[in-house]
Amino acid sequence: MKDRQKKIIERILEVVNQPTQEEIDRLWAEEAERRIDELDSGEVEEIPGEQVFAEIRARLGK
């Protein structure tokens, strides 16, 4: 198989194997539910965004 043909086939497979928007939305909804469950159970605790960014700035020396 020629290199060009191989590249075309690889690109087609990439496009075909990409998730649909419905699948992406479903996966994000599942992730959101998992995170809510972790918060509700006390497994993780909330950290205010302002605190997170302040810590990042401090680490970067800004």
N, C-alpha and C. Protein backbone atom coordinates (compact mmCIF):
# COMPACT_ATOMS: atom_id res chain seq x y z
N MET A 1 0.85 -1.18 0.00
CA MET A 1 0.00 0.00 0.00
C MET A 1 0.89 1.24 0.00
N LYS A 2 0.54 2.15 -0.83
CA LYS A 2 1.32 3.39 -0.93
C LYS A 2 1.11 4.24 0.31
N ASP A 3 2.11 5.05 0.59
CA ASP A 3 2.08 5.92 1.77
C ASP A 3 0.87 6.86 1.74
N ARG A 4 0.58 7.40 0.58
CA ARG A 4 -0.55 8.33 0.45
C ARG A 4 -1.87 7.62 0.74
N GLN A 5 -2.03 6.42 0.22
CA GLN A 5 -3.25 5.65 0.47
C GLN A 5 -3.39 5.34 1.95
N LYS A 6 -2.29 4.98 2.56
CA LYS A 6 -2.30 4.67 3.99
C LYS A 6 -2.74 5.89 4.79
N LYS A 7 -2.23 7.06 4.45
CA LYS A 7 -2.61 8.29 5.15
C LYS A 7 -4.09 8.60 4.97
N ILE A 8 -4.61 8.37 3.78
CA ILE A 8 -6.03 8.61 3.51
C ILE A 8 -6.88 7.68 4.36
N ILE A 9 -6.52 6.41 4.39
CA ILE A 9 -7.27 5.42 5.18
C ILE A 9 -7.20 5.77 6.66
N GLU A 10 -6.03 6.16 7.15
CA GLU A 10 -5.90 6.54 8.56
C GLU A 10 -6.79 7.73 8.89
N ARG A 11 -6.84 8.70 7.99
CA ARG A 11 -7.67 9.90 8.23
C ARG A 11 -9.15 9.54 8.23
N ILE A 12 -9.57 8.67 7.32
CA ILE A 12 -10.97 8.23 7.28
C ILE A 12 -11.32 7.54 8.58
N LEU A 13 -10.44 6.67 9.06
CA LEU A 13 -10.71 5.97 10.32
C LEU A 13 -10.77 6.93 11.50
N GLU A 14 -9.95 7.96 11.50
CA GLU A 14 -10.01 8.97 12.56
C GLU A 14 -11.38 9.65 12.58
N VAL A 15 -11.86 10.03 11.41
CA VAL A 15 -13.14 10.73 11.31
C VAL A 15 -14.28 9.80 11.72
N VAL A 16 -14.26 8.58 11.25
CA VAL A 16 -15.33 7.62 11.54
C VAL A 16 -15.36 7.28 13.03
N ASN A 17 -14.22 7.22 13.67
CA ASN A 17 -14.15 6.81 15.07
C ASN A 17 -14.35 7.95 16.06
N GLN A 18 -14.56 9.17 15.59
CA GLN A 18 -14.79 10.28 16.50
C GLN A 18 -16.17 10.14 17.13
N PRO A 19 -16.26 10.48 18.42
CA PRO A 19 -17.57 10.39 19.08
C PRO A 19 -18.54 11.43 18.53
N THR A 20 -19.82 11.09 18.58
CA THR A 20 -20.85 12.03 18.15
C THR A 20 -21.06 13.08 19.24
N GLN A 21 -21.71 14.17 18.90
CA GLN A 21 -22.00 15.19 19.90
C GLN A 21 -22.88 14.62 21.00
N GLU A 22 -23.81 13.73 20.63
CA GLU A 22 -24.67 13.09 21.64
C GLU A 22 -23.83 12.30 22.64
N GLU A 23 -22.84 11.56 22.12
CA GLU A 23 -21.99 10.77 23.00
C GLU A 23 -21.15 11.67 23.90
N ILE A 24 -20.63 12.75 23.35
CA ILE A 24 -19.84 13.70 24.15
C ILE A 24 -20.71 14.30 25.25
N ASP A 25 -21.93 14.70 24.90
CA ASP A 25 -22.85 15.27 25.89
C ASP A 25 -23.17 14.26 26.99
N ARG A 26 -23.40 13.01 26.60
CA ARG A 26 -23.71 11.95 27.56
C ARG A 26 -22.53 11.74 28.51
N LEU A 27 -21.33 11.70 27.97
CA LEU A 27 -20.14 11.49 28.80
C LEU A 27 -19.93 12.64 29.78
N TRP A 28 -20.16 13.88 29.32
CA TRP A 28 -20.03 15.02 30.22
C TRP A 28 -21.09 14.99 31.31
N ALA A 29 -22.31 14.58 30.96
CA ALA A 29 -23.37 14.47 31.97
C ALA A 29 -23.00 13.42 33.01
N GLU A 30 -22.45 12.30 32.57
CA GLU A 30 -22.02 11.26 33.50
C GLU A 30 -20.91 11.77 34.42
N GLU A 31 -19.98 12.51 33.85
CA GLU A 31 -18.88 13.07 34.65
C GLU A 31 -19.41 14.06 35.68
N ALA A 32 -20.35 14.90 35.27
CA ALA A 32 -20.95 15.86 36.20
C ALA A 32 -21.65 15.14 37.34
N GLU A 33 -22.40 14.09 37.02
CA GLU A 33 -23.09 13.31 38.06
C GLU A 33 -22.09 12.66 39.01
N ARG A 34 -21.00 12.13 38.46
CA ARG A 34 -19.97 11.50 39.30
C ARG A 34 -19.38 12.52 40.26
N ARG A 35 -19.12 13.72 39.77
CA ARG A 35 -18.54 14.76 40.62
C ARG A 35 -19.53 15.22 41.69
N ILE A 36 -20.79 15.33 41.33
CA ILE A 36 -21.81 15.70 42.31
C ILE A 36 -21.89 14.65 43.40
N ASP A 37 -21.88 13.37 43.00
CA ASP A 37 -21.92 12.28 43.97
C ASP A 37 -20.72 12.34 44.92
N GLU A 38 -19.53 12.64 44.39
CA GLU A 38 -18.33 12.75 45.22
C GLU A 38 -18.47 13.89 46.23
N LEU A 39 -19.03 15.00 45.79
CA LEU A 39 -19.24 16.13 46.71
C LEU A 39 -20.27 15.78 47.77
N ASP A 40 -21.38 15.18 47.34
CA ASP A 40 -22.45 14.82 48.27
C ASP A 40 -21.99 13.81 49.32
N SER A 41 -21.13 12.88 48.92
CA SER A 41 -20.67 11.84 49.84
C SER A 41 -19.55 12.33 50.76
N GLY A 42 -19.00 13.49 50.45
CA GLY A 42 -17.89 14.01 51.24
C GLY A 42 -16.54 13.46 50.81
N GLU A 43 -16.54 12.69 49.74
CA GLU A 43 -15.30 12.10 49.23
C GLU A 43 -14.31 13.19 48.80
N VAL A 44 -14.84 14.28 48.28
CA VAL A 44 -14.02 15.43 47.91
C VAL A 44 -14.68 16.68 48.48
N GLU A 45 -13.89 17.73 48.63
CA GLU A 45 -14.48 18.97 49.12
C GLU A 45 -14.30 20.07 48.08
N GLU A 46 -15.20 21.00 48.13
CA GLU A 46 -15.15 22.11 47.18
C GLU A 46 -13.99 23.04 47.52
N ILE A 47 -13.37 23.55 46.48
CA ILE A 47 -12.34 24.57 46.64
C ILE A 47 -12.77 25.74 45.76
N PRO A 48 -12.97 26.91 46.36
CA PRO A 48 -13.40 28.06 45.57
C PRO A 48 -12.42 28.35 44.43
N GLY A 49 -12.96 28.72 43.29
CA GLY A 49 -12.14 29.02 42.12
C GLY A 49 -11.10 30.08 42.39
N GLU A 50 -11.48 31.09 43.18
CA GLU A 50 -10.53 32.16 43.51
C GLU A 50 -9.30 31.60 44.22
N GLN A 51 -9.52 30.65 45.11
CA GLN A 51 -8.42 30.04 45.85
C GLN A 51 -7.53 29.22 44.91
N VAL A 52 -8.15 28.47 44.02
CA VAL A 52 -7.40 27.66 43.06
C VAL A 52 -6.49 28.55 42.21
N PHE A 53 -7.05 29.62 41.67
CA PHE A 53 -6.26 30.51 40.81
C PHE A 53 -5.17 31.25 41.60
N ALA A 54 -5.47 31.59 42.86
CA ALA A 54 -4.45 32.24 43.69
C ALA A 54 -3.28 31.29 43.92
N GLU A 55 -3.58 30.01 44.15
CA GLU A 55 -2.51 29.02 44.35
C GLU A 55 -1.69 28.83 43.07
N ILE A 56 -2.36 28.84 41.94
CA ILE A 56 -1.65 28.70 40.66
C ILE A 56 -0.73 29.89 40.44
N ARG A 57 -1.26 31.10 40.68
CA ARG A 57 -0.43 32.30 40.51
C ARG A 57 0.77 32.26 41.45
N ALA A 58 0.56 31.80 42.68
CA ALA A 58 1.67 31.73 43.64
C ALA A 58 2.73 30.74 43.17
N ARG A 59 2.30 29.61 42.63
CA ARG A 59 3.26 28.61 42.14
C ARG A 59 4.04 29.13 40.94
N LEU A 60 3.38 29.93 40.12
CA LEU A 60 4.04 30.46 38.93
C LEU A 60 4.82 31.73 39.23
N GLY A 61 4.71 32.19 40.47
CA GLY A 61 5.45 33.38 40.87
C GLY A 61 4.89 34.65 40.29
N LYS A 62 3.59 34.70 40.09
CA LYS A 62 2.97 35.89 39.50
C LYS A 62 2.10 36.59 40.52
